[in-house]
């Protein structure tokens, strides 16, 4: 079925059908839904070249993928991408990954914008005063940041979770249970999410007249092996913590293994709370001791980023709106009162 036939069947003009399919804001929602349903039912797909000529849009979302020997593509990124892809696929959008040297991503951003390869881009894993955010905000292309970058004198659109609040509440619970020596096994502390998580733990401790010792903070790539090594170091040295907050369920696998190898128990000797990104293949309730978590779905975040990018492409969303999701604290069997 072509555009003319689809328009005839719906008793609408070809222009209206085309605008509905391409997300123009002047088409009312009822008409848009009617057109989209009919197009899906009859297998209509617009010709990409014709769509670009007619609308000036490619129907593509771009992501600059850092590459190099020091770059790891971890499961958190893949899960986020799955959520973004789910939304994009169901809304006739494609995702374009453009590889770039990790130390020179700006050149790639400039190229894909200049070539009009994509309609919008998203930025992930931001750092304070992130140069990518500063650059893309000047290039005249819709964009969204997954996370936040601090230190700018301008606003920008982003989606984030309340990392500071989540780890503040986790640490506060542990303090209420009588723990005085807390440790944090964190992600890359050059990135804002990790900075916010450490800030939350420190704020909770300070409110009770306590502090987070520098030896009790670990910043590592979030793998099971790194979780294991960090925990061994923390528990084998003097003044070992009685509770650990951990930035990833994947690292928590290593924490649990290290505690077991040292002949200790959770929560008898060490209480543990980890962040759960809601991986479908790794559930905290299935740990040997059900794991207490701060919980927020990274897959749903990916879908929301795609939804907002689609709205920015079509003109339904404008401005520099920030969106911060609250995080659930789920208490299970891995926390208990501090050992005597």
Protein backbone atom coordinates (compact mmCIF):
# COMPACT_ATOMS: atom_id res chain seq x y z
CA UNK A 1 0.00 0.00 0.00
CA UNK A 2 1.34 3.44 -0.93
CA UNK A 3 0.60 6.83 0.60
CA UNK A 4 -2.12 7.67 -1.92
CA UNK A 5 -3.98 4.44 -1.25
CA UNK A 6 -3.69 4.85 2.52
CA UNK A 7 -5.00 8.41 2.33
CA UNK A 8 -7.92 7.33 0.11
CA UNK A 9 -8.87 4.54 2.49
CA UNK A 10 -8.89 6.96 5.43
CA UNK A 11 -10.67 9.73 3.48
CA UNK A 12 -7.86 12.12 4.35
CA UNK A 13 -5.53 14.17 2.21
CA UNK A 14 -2.09 12.78 1.47
CA UNK A 15 -0.60 15.80 3.20
CA UNK A 16 -2.51 15.09 6.43
CA UNK A 17 -1.53 11.42 6.38
CA UNK A 18 2.11 12.28 5.73
CA UNK A 19 2.16 14.84 8.53
CA UNK A 20 0.50 12.40 10.94
CA UNK A 21 3.06 9.71 10.13
CA UNK A 22 5.94 12.13 10.62
CA UNK A 23 4.80 13.54 13.94
CA UNK A 24 3.86 17.08 12.98
CA UNK A 25 2.30 18.81 16.03
CA UNK A 26 -0.57 20.42 14.07
CA UNK A 27 -2.18 17.02 13.48
CA UNK A 28 -4.54 16.26 16.37
CA UNK A 29 -3.90 13.16 18.45
CA UNK A 30 -7.05 11.31 17.38
CA UNK A 31 -6.18 11.65 13.68
CA UNK A 32 -2.56 10.72 14.31
CA UNK A 33 -3.57 7.57 16.16
CA UNK A 34 -6.07 6.63 13.43
CA UNK A 35 -3.43 7.04 10.73
CA UNK A 36 -0.76 5.15 12.67
CA UNK A 37 -3.12 2.26 13.42
CA UNK A 38 -4.15 1.99 9.77
CA UNK A 39 -0.56 2.15 8.55
CA UNK A 40 0.45 -0.61 10.93
CA UNK A 41 -2.58 -2.75 10.10
CA UNK A 42 -1.96 -2.55 6.35
CA UNK A 43 1.82 -2.77 6.49
CA UNK A 44 2.46 0.73 5.13
CA UNK A 45 6.02 1.99 5.54
CA UNK A 46 7.08 5.36 4.15
CA UNK A 47 9.98 5.40 1.72
CA UNK A 48 12.96 6.75 3.73
CA UNK A 49 14.30 8.85 0.88
CA UNK A 50 10.89 10.29 0.11
CA UNK A 51 10.31 11.04 3.78
CA UNK A 52 13.60 12.90 4.03
CA UNK A 53 12.80 14.94 0.93
CA UNK A 54 9.29 15.74 2.14
CA UNK A 55 10.04 16.49 5.79
CA UNK A 56 13.76 17.16 6.01
CA UNK A 57 13.89 14.42 8.65
CA UNK A 58 15.72 11.10 8.56
CA UNK A 59 13.69 9.26 11.20
CA UNK A 60 16.93 8.42 13.03
CA UNK A 61 18.27 8.98 16.55
CA UNK A 62 22.04 9.18 16.85
CA UNK A 63 24.47 8.05 19.51
CA UNK A 64 28.21 8.62 19.40
CA UNK A 65 29.77 5.40 20.68
CA UNK A 66 33.20 5.84 22.28
CA UNK A 67 35.65 3.14 21.20
CA UNK A 68 39.20 2.15 22.07
CA UNK A 69 41.15 -0.29 24.18
CA UNK A 70 40.11 1.41 27.43
CA UNK A 71 36.37 1.37 26.64
CA UNK A 72 34.09 -1.38 27.94
CA UNK A 73 30.52 -1.86 26.70
CA UNK A 74 28.85 -3.07 29.87
CA UNK A 75 25.43 -4.65 30.51
CA UNK A 76 24.03 -1.38 31.88
CA UNK A 77 24.53 0.27 28.48
CA UNK A 78 23.04 -2.71 26.64
CA UNK A 79 19.95 -2.76 28.88
CA UNK A 80 19.44 0.99 28.40
CA UNK A 81 19.83 0.56 24.64
CA UNK A 82 17.23 -2.21 24.68
CA UNK A 83 14.66 0.12 26.22
CA UNK A 84 15.48 2.89 23.77
CA UNK A 85 15.29 0.43 20.88
CA UNK A 86 11.93 -0.95 22.00
CA UNK A 87 10.37 2.51 21.83
CA UNK A 88 12.13 3.49 18.61
CA UNK A 89 11.07 0.32 16.81
CA UNK A 90 7.41 0.74 17.75
CA UNK A 91 7.42 4.38 16.60
CA UNK A 92 9.13 4.00 13.21
CA UNK A 93 12.45 5.41 14.42
CA UNK A 94 15.90 3.97 13.83
CA UNK A 95 18.99 4.18 15.99
CA UNK A 96 22.36 5.02 14.44
CA UNK A 97 25.58 4.29 16.35
CA UNK A 98 28.56 6.33 15.19
CA UNK A 99 31.88 5.04 16.56
CA UNK A 100 34.37 7.64 17.74
CA UNK A 101 37.73 7.81 19.44
CA UNK A 102 36.93 8.06 23.15
CA UNK A 103 39.22 11.08 23.43
CA UNK A 104 37.76 12.92 20.42
CA UNK A 105 34.00 12.44 20.30
CA UNK A 106 33.35 16.07 19.38
CA UNK A 107 34.57 15.61 15.80
CA UNK A 108 31.99 12.87 15.27
CA UNK A 109 29.18 14.97 16.74
CA UNK A 110 30.05 17.81 14.38
CA UNK A 111 30.16 15.45 11.39
CA UNK A 112 26.81 13.71 11.94
CA UNK A 113 25.09 17.04 12.56
CA UNK A 114 26.67 18.71 9.53
CA UNK A 115 25.72 15.73 7.32
CA UNK A 116 22.16 15.73 8.67
CA UNK A 117 22.45 12.02 9.28
CA UNK A 118 20.16 12.03 12.33
CA UNK A 119 17.28 14.09 13.70
CA UNK A 120 18.42 14.04 17.33
CA UNK A 121 21.18 12.69 19.56
CA UNK A 122 21.46 11.54 23.13
CA UNK A 123 24.44 11.72 25.45
CA UNK A 124 25.14 9.16 28.18
CA UNK A 125 27.50 8.83 31.16
CA UNK A 126 27.98 12.59 31.56
CA UNK A 127 30.72 14.12 33.67
CA UNK A 128 30.78 17.55 35.35
CA UNK A 129 31.10 20.31 32.72
CA UNK A 130 30.93 17.65 30.03
CA UNK A 131 32.32 19.01 26.76
CA UNK A 132 29.79 16.97 24.73
CA UNK A 133 26.87 18.77 26.39
CA UNK A 134 28.51 22.14 25.85
CA UNK A 135 29.11 21.36 22.18
CA UNK A 136 25.77 19.80 21.23
CA UNK A 137 23.86 22.65 22.86
CA UNK A 138 25.39 24.94 20.20
CA UNK A 139 24.80 22.72 17.14
CA UNK A 140 21.08 23.34 16.66
CA UNK A 141 19.99 19.70 16.88
CA UNK A 142 17.47 18.24 19.35
CA UNK A 143 19.28 16.34 22.10
CA UNK A 144 18.81 14.80 25.52
CA UNK A 145 21.28 13.82 28.23
CA UNK A 146 20.83 10.56 30.15
CA UNK A 147 22.16 11.76 33.48
CA UNK A 148 23.33 15.20 34.52
CA UNK A 149 26.39 17.34 34.03
CA UNK A 150 27.14 19.97 36.66
CA UNK A 151 28.91 23.30 36.44
CA UNK A 152 27.21 24.95 33.45
CA UNK A 153 25.62 28.40 33.40
CA UNK A 154 22.90 27.21 31.01
CA UNK A 155 20.06 24.69 31.23
CA UNK A 156 19.73 21.63 29.00
CA UNK A 157 17.23 18.76 28.68
CA UNK A 158 18.02 15.62 30.65
CA UNK A 159 16.61 12.51 32.28
CA UNK A 160 18.19 11.24 35.47
CA UNK A 161 17.39 9.29 38.62
CA UNK A 162 17.87 10.66 42.12
CA UNK A 163 21.21 8.98 42.75
CA UNK A 164 22.08 11.18 45.71
CA UNK A 165 18.71 10.66 47.37
CA UNK A 166 18.82 6.91 46.77
CA UNK A 167 22.20 6.38 48.40
CA UNK A 168 21.38 8.85 51.18
CA UNK A 169 18.37 6.72 52.11
CA UNK A 170 20.37 3.49 51.85
CA UNK A 171 23.09 4.85 54.13
CA UNK A 172 20.53 6.32 56.53
CA UNK A 173 18.89 2.89 56.93
CA UNK A 174 22.25 1.29 57.70
CA UNK A 175 23.01 4.00 60.27
CA UNK A 176 19.60 3.47 61.88
CA UNK A 177 20.50 -0.21 62.19
CA UNK A 178 23.54 0.78 64.26
CA UNK A 179 26.29 0.68 61.64
CA UNK A 180 29.07 3.23 62.13
CA UNK A 181 31.65 1.97 59.62
CA UNK A 182 30.17 2.11 56.12
CA UNK A 183 31.94 1.49 52.82
CA UNK A 184 30.94 2.49 49.30
CA UNK A 185 31.89 0.42 46.26
CA UNK A 186 31.13 2.91 43.53
CA UNK A 187 31.37 3.26 39.76
CA UNK A 188 33.67 5.67 37.91
CA UNK A 189 33.90 8.70 40.21
CA UNK A 190 34.60 10.96 37.24
CA UNK A 191 30.96 10.50 36.22
CA UNK A 192 28.14 12.48 37.80
CA UNK A 193 26.03 9.49 38.87
CA UNK A 194 28.90 8.19 41.03
CA UNK A 195 29.64 11.65 42.43
CA UNK A 196 25.99 11.99 43.45
CA UNK A 197 25.93 8.55 45.09
CA UNK A 198 29.02 9.28 47.17
CA UNK A 199 27.54 12.66 48.08
CA UNK A 200 24.38 10.95 49.33
CA UNK A 201 26.30 8.52 51.55
CA UNK A 202 28.49 11.28 52.98
CA UNK A 203 25.44 13.47 53.69
CA UNK A 204 23.70 10.69 55.63
CA UNK A 205 26.82 9.96 57.66
CA UNK A 206 27.44 13.64 58.41
CA UNK A 207 23.91 14.03 59.76
CA UNK A 208 24.82 11.47 62.43
CA UNK A 209 28.25 12.91 63.15
CA UNK A 210 30.02 10.21 61.15
CA UNK A 211 32.27 10.30 58.10
CA UNK A 212 33.19 8.11 55.15
CA UNK A 213 36.88 7.29 55.38
CA UNK A 214 38.86 7.61 52.16
CA UNK A 215 39.93 3.97 52.51
CA UNK A 216 36.27 2.98 52.60
CA UNK A 217 35.51 4.39 49.14
CA UNK A 218 36.28 2.36 46.02
CA UNK A 219 35.81 3.69 42.47
CA UNK A 220 35.96 0.88 39.91
CA UNK A 221 34.51 -0.31 36.61
CA UNK A 222 31.27 -2.04 37.58
CA UNK A 223 32.12 -5.72 37.07
CA UNK A 224 31.71 -8.78 39.28
CA UNK A 225 35.48 -9.23 39.59
CA UNK A 226 36.02 -5.62 40.66
CA UNK A 227 33.29 -6.01 43.28
CA UNK A 228 35.12 -9.08 44.60
CA UNK A 229 38.54 -7.43 44.75
CA UNK A 230 37.21 -4.25 46.37
CA UNK A 231 35.41 -6.25 49.04
CA UNK A 232 38.45 -8.39 49.83
CA UNK A 233 40.53 -5.27 50.31
CA UNK A 234 37.92 -3.60 52.51
CA UNK A 235 37.36 -6.61 54.76
CA UNK A 236 40.94 -7.84 55.05
CA UNK A 237 42.37 -4.54 56.29
CA UNK A 238 41.94 -3.16 59.78
CA UNK A 239 38.85 -1.18 60.76
CA UNK A 240 36.75 -3.16 58.30
CA UNK A 241 33.26 -1.87 57.50
CA UNK A 242 30.20 -3.59 58.91
CA UNK A 243 28.03 -2.43 55.99
CA UNK A 244 28.59 -1.88 52.27
CA UNK A 245 26.64 0.19 49.77
CA UNK A 246 27.32 -0.98 46.23
CA UNK A 247 26.58 0.83 42.96
CA UNK A 248 25.63 -2.20 40.88
CA UNK A 249 23.91 -5.54 41.27
CA UNK A 250 26.64 -6.99 39.05
CA UNK A 251 29.34 -5.85 41.48
CA UNK A 252 27.22 -7.19 44.34
CA UNK A 253 27.77 -10.69 42.93
CA UNK A 254 31.46 -10.18 43.63
CA UNK A 255 30.77 -8.73 47.08
CA UNK A 256 28.77 -11.82 48.06
CA UNK A 257 31.50 -14.14 46.75
CA UNK A 258 34.23 -12.28 48.66
CA UNK A 259 32.26 -12.34 51.93
CA UNK A 260 31.73 -16.09 51.54
CA UNK A 261 35.40 -16.76 50.70
CA UNK A 262 36.46 -14.92 53.86
CA UNK A 263 34.23 -17.16 55.97
CA UNK A 264 31.85 -14.33 56.82
CA UNK A 265 28.09 -14.05 56.39
CA UNK A 266 25.54 -11.57 55.08
CA UNK A 267 23.98 -9.95 57.09
CA UNK A 268 25.55 -11.49 60.23
CA UNK A 269 28.97 -9.92 59.68
CA UNK A 270 28.34 -7.48 56.83
CA UNK A 271 25.12 -5.79 55.69
CA UNK A 272 24.80 -5.07 51.97
CA UNK A 273 22.65 -2.75 49.85
CA UNK A 274 23.18 -2.51 46.09
CA UNK A 275 21.66 -0.53 43.24
CA UNK A 276 19.32 -2.58 41.07
CA UNK A 277 18.95 -1.45 37.44
CA UNK A 278 16.27 -4.17 37.04
CA UNK A 279 18.08 -6.57 34.75
CA UNK A 280 15.64 -9.30 33.68
CA UNK A 281 18.38 -11.91 34.11
CA UNK A 282 19.67 -10.83 37.54
CA UNK A 283 17.11 -10.53 40.32
CA UNK A 284 18.07 -9.44 43.84
CA UNK A 285 15.50 -11.73 45.45
CA UNK A 286 17.32 -14.71 43.92
CA UNK A 287 20.65 -14.04 45.68
CA UNK A 288 21.63 -16.60 48.33
CA UNK A 289 20.45 -13.96 50.81
CA UNK A 290 17.75 -11.77 49.20
CA UNK A 291 19.43 -8.46 48.52
CA UNK A 292 18.26 -5.06 49.72
CA UNK A 293 18.38 -2.56 46.87
CA UNK A 294 17.83 0.91 45.59
CA UNK A 295 15.74 0.21 42.51
CA UNK A 296 15.17 1.99 39.18
CA UNK A 297 14.77 0.39 35.74
CA UNK A 298 17.44 1.45 33.28
CA UNK A 299 15.43 -0.14 30.44
CA UNK A 300 12.46 2.15 31.23
CA UNK A 301 14.90 5.08 31.26
CA UNK A 302 16.01 4.13 27.74
CA UNK A 303 12.42 4.06 26.53
CA UNK A 304 11.72 7.44 28.14
CA UNK A 305 14.78 9.00 26.51
CA UNK A 306 13.55 7.78 23.11
CA UNK A 307 10.04 9.07 23.83
CA UNK A 308 11.32 12.53 24.71
CA UNK A 309 13.67 12.63 21.74
CA UNK A 310 10.75 11.77 19.43
CA UNK A 311 8.77 14.60 21.02
CA UNK A 312 11.66 17.03 20.54
CA UNK A 313 12.04 15.99 16.90
CA UNK A 314 8.35 16.61 16.22
CA UNK A 315 8.24 19.89 18.16
CA UNK A 316 5.95 18.53 20.89
CA UNK A 317 8.68 19.18 23.49
CA UNK A 318 10.77 22.31 23.61
CA UNK A 319 13.02 24.00 26.12
CA UNK A 320 15.51 22.60 28.59
CA UNK A 321 13.39 20.53 30.93
CA UNK A 322 15.14 18.31 33.44
CA UNK A 323 13.41 15.16 34.67
CA UNK A 324 14.54 13.34 37.81
CA UNK A 325 12.98 10.00 38.78
CA UNK A 326 12.68 9.00 42.43
CA UNK A 327 14.33 5.71 43.40
CA UNK A 328 12.73 2.97 45.50
CA UNK A 329 14.47 1.50 48.53
CA UNK A 330 13.55 -2.18 48.79
CA UNK A 331 14.54 -3.83 52.08
CA UNK A 332 15.22 -7.57 52.04
CA UNK A 333 17.28 -9.99 54.07
CA UNK A 334 20.78 -8.63 53.42
CA UNK A 335 20.65 -5.93 56.12
CA UNK A 336 20.59 -6.33 59.88
CA UNK A 337 21.81 -4.60 63.02
CA UNK A 338 25.54 -3.96 63.31
CA UNK A 339 27.46 -6.86 64.86
CA UNK A 340 28.51 -6.34 68.47
